[in-house]
């Protein structure tokens, strides 16, 4: 049965995950457990914490430290925090909390077309013009030649 407490999901290349599983075993701290398709880093250092945010922060720091140690010891590549923490209950229940990470950017663009209307109410024909990009490209080309 899994001990109650906190864990942090780690992700990485399968061979690098194997290095952690092979080298971080219970009853020593820290250790790694496999739960379904998730590799979960466990540590007594997480269990003294009361909030998921604190667990995430401590897990990220521990993962960074372990990456260096495992790289030196096992020539393994780095793992990363898998954006989830797990709370293991007394009854063996797993409650998972996911964190949304990353930056968000939004871009928008509006275009308009101007049409000149003559006194008769009909559009006045416009001569085709190169676009701004085309004009700039021609200037740049002239400078390069």
Protein backbone atom coordinates (compact mmCIF):
# COMPACT_ATOMS: atom_id res chain seq x y z
CA UNK A 1 0.00 0.00 0.00
CA UNK A 2 1.22 3.50 -0.85
CA UNK A 3 2.22 5.73 2.04
CA UNK A 4 0.02 8.79 2.63
CA UNK A 5 1.60 12.10 1.60
CA UNK A 6 2.44 14.15 -1.44
CA UNK A 7 4.11 13.33 -4.73
CA UNK A 8 5.02 15.15 -7.92
CA UNK A 9 4.63 13.72 -11.41
CA UNK A 10 7.87 13.79 -13.41
CA UNK A 11 8.21 13.46 -17.17
CA UNK A 12 11.04 12.86 -19.56
CA UNK A 13 12.51 10.38 -21.97
CA UNK A 14 11.75 6.74 -21.06
CA UNK A 15 15.41 5.82 -20.53
CA UNK A 16 15.90 8.83 -18.24
CA UNK A 17 12.77 7.95 -16.27
CA UNK A 18 14.15 4.41 -15.87
CA UNK A 19 17.33 5.86 -14.40
CA UNK A 20 15.30 7.57 -11.69
CA UNK A 21 13.17 4.48 -11.03
CA UNK A 22 16.29 2.29 -10.74
CA UNK A 23 18.15 4.68 -8.44
CA UNK A 24 15.44 6.24 -6.29
CA UNK A 25 13.81 3.41 -4.37
CA UNK A 26 12.01 3.15 -1.06
CA UNK A 27 12.70 3.05 1.85
CA UNK A 28 15.25 5.76 1.12
CA UNK A 29 14.39 9.40 0.49
CA UNK A 30 13.62 10.65 -2.12
CA UNK A 31 12.03 7.76 -4.01
CA UNK A 32 10.01 7.20 -7.17
CA UNK A 33 6.76 5.26 -7.54
CA UNK A 34 4.95 4.17 -10.68
CA UNK A 35 1.17 4.70 -10.68
CA UNK A 36 -0.39 3.64 -13.97
CA UNK A 37 1.43 5.60 -16.65
CA UNK A 38 2.70 8.23 -14.21
CA UNK A 39 6.12 8.37 -12.57
CA UNK A 40 5.72 10.08 -9.21
CA UNK A 41 8.58 11.55 -7.18
CA UNK A 42 8.00 11.19 -3.43
CA UNK A 43 9.86 12.75 -0.52
CA UNK A 44 9.32 13.23 3.19
CA UNK A 45 10.16 16.87 2.46
CA UNK A 46 6.82 17.18 0.64
CA UNK A 47 4.80 15.63 3.44
CA UNK A 48 5.39 18.49 5.88
CA UNK A 49 3.73 20.90 3.44
CA UNK A 50 0.05 21.82 3.49
CA UNK A 51 -0.60 23.44 0.11
CA UNK A 52 -0.30 22.13 -3.41
CA UNK A 53 1.53 25.28 -4.50
CA UNK A 54 4.19 24.69 -1.85
CA UNK A 55 4.56 21.06 -2.92
CA UNK A 56 4.94 22.10 -6.55
CA UNK A 57 7.61 24.69 -5.67
CA UNK A 58 9.59 22.26 -3.52
CA UNK A 59 9.22 19.51 -6.14
CA UNK A 60 10.55 21.73 -8.93
CA UNK A 61 13.60 22.59 -6.81
CA UNK A 62 14.19 18.93 -5.89
CA UNK A 63 13.81 17.79 -9.52
CA UNK A 64 16.42 20.35 -10.62
CA UNK A 65 18.83 19.14 -7.93
CA UNK A 66 18.22 15.47 -8.73
CA UNK A 67 18.71 16.13 -12.45
CA UNK A 68 22.28 17.19 -11.74
CA UNK A 69 22.97 14.27 -9.42
CA UNK A 70 21.45 11.63 -11.72
CA UNK A 71 23.22 13.15 -14.74
CA UNK A 72 26.59 12.81 -13.00
CA UNK A 73 25.90 9.39 -11.51
CA UNK A 74 24.02 7.72 -14.36
CA UNK A 75 24.73 9.90 -17.41
CA UNK A 76 20.98 10.44 -17.70
CA UNK A 77 19.14 13.32 -19.29
CA UNK A 78 16.95 15.68 -17.26
CA UNK A 79 13.39 15.11 -16.16
CA UNK A 80 10.86 17.88 -15.68
CA UNK A 81 7.94 18.58 -13.41
CA UNK A 82 4.89 17.03 -15.10
CA UNK A 83 2.54 19.88 -14.07
CA UNK A 84 0.75 17.63 -11.55
CA UNK A 85 1.01 16.85 -7.88
CA UNK A 86 -0.62 13.92 -6.16
CA UNK A 87 -2.00 13.70 -2.62
CA UNK A 88 -2.06 10.12 -1.36
CA UNK A 89 -4.71 9.58 1.32
CA UNK A 90 -4.75 7.14 4.25
CA UNK A 91 -7.14 4.93 2.28
CA UNK A 92 -4.80 4.73 -0.72
CA UNK A 93 -6.86 7.23 -2.70
CA UNK A 94 -4.93 9.47 -5.10
CA UNK A 95 -6.08 13.06 -5.60
CA UNK A 96 -4.32 14.73 -8.50
CA UNK A 97 -3.96 18.48 -8.96
CA UNK A 98 -2.84 19.82 -12.32
CA UNK A 99 -1.14 23.17 -12.78
CA UNK A 100 -1.54 25.17 -15.95
CA UNK A 101 1.77 26.58 -17.02
CA UNK A 102 3.11 28.58 -19.88
CA UNK A 103 2.59 31.94 -21.33
CA UNK A 104 -0.41 32.98 -23.22
CA UNK A 105 -0.34 35.44 -26.02
CA UNK A 106 -3.09 36.74 -28.17
CA UNK A 107 -2.80 38.55 -31.42
CA UNK A 108 -5.42 40.11 -33.50
CA UNK A 109 -5.54 41.79 -36.82
CA UNK A 110 -8.12 43.90 -38.51
CA UNK A 111 -8.05 44.86 -42.13
CA UNK A 112 -10.04 47.38 -44.00
CA UNK A 113 -10.41 48.41 -47.57
CA UNK A 114 -11.07 52.01 -48.49
CA UNK A 115 -13.31 52.64 -51.46
CA UNK A 116 -13.78 56.06 -52.99
CA UNK A 117 -17.32 56.70 -54.21
CA UNK A 118 -17.88 59.07 -57.10
CA UNK A 119 -20.75 61.58 -57.39
CA UNK A 120 -22.76 58.99 -59.26
CA UNK A 121 -22.63 56.64 -56.21
CA UNK A 122 -20.36 54.13 -57.91
CA UNK A 123 -16.84 53.20 -56.79
CA UNK A 124 -14.03 55.10 -58.47
CA UNK A 125 -11.63 52.57 -60.04
CA UNK A 126 -8.26 52.36 -58.28
CA UNK A 127 -5.03 51.48 -60.02
CA UNK A 128 -3.40 48.39 -58.55
CA UNK A 129 -0.61 49.22 -56.10
CA UNK A 130 2.15 47.05 -54.64
CA UNK A 131 1.67 46.21 -51.00
CA UNK A 132 3.80 47.75 -48.30
CA UNK A 133 5.77 44.51 -48.03
CA UNK A 134 6.40 44.50 -51.78
CA UNK A 135 7.55 48.14 -51.72
CA UNK A 136 9.94 47.42 -48.87
CA UNK A 137 11.28 44.32 -50.62
CA UNK A 138 12.05 46.34 -53.75
CA UNK A 139 13.90 49.00 -51.71
CA UNK A 140 15.87 46.33 -49.86
CA UNK A 141 16.75 44.58 -53.11
CA UNK A 142 18.02 47.84 -54.64
CA UNK A 143 20.28 48.35 -51.61
CA UNK A 144 21.62 44.80 -51.88
CA UNK A 145 22.51 45.14 -55.56
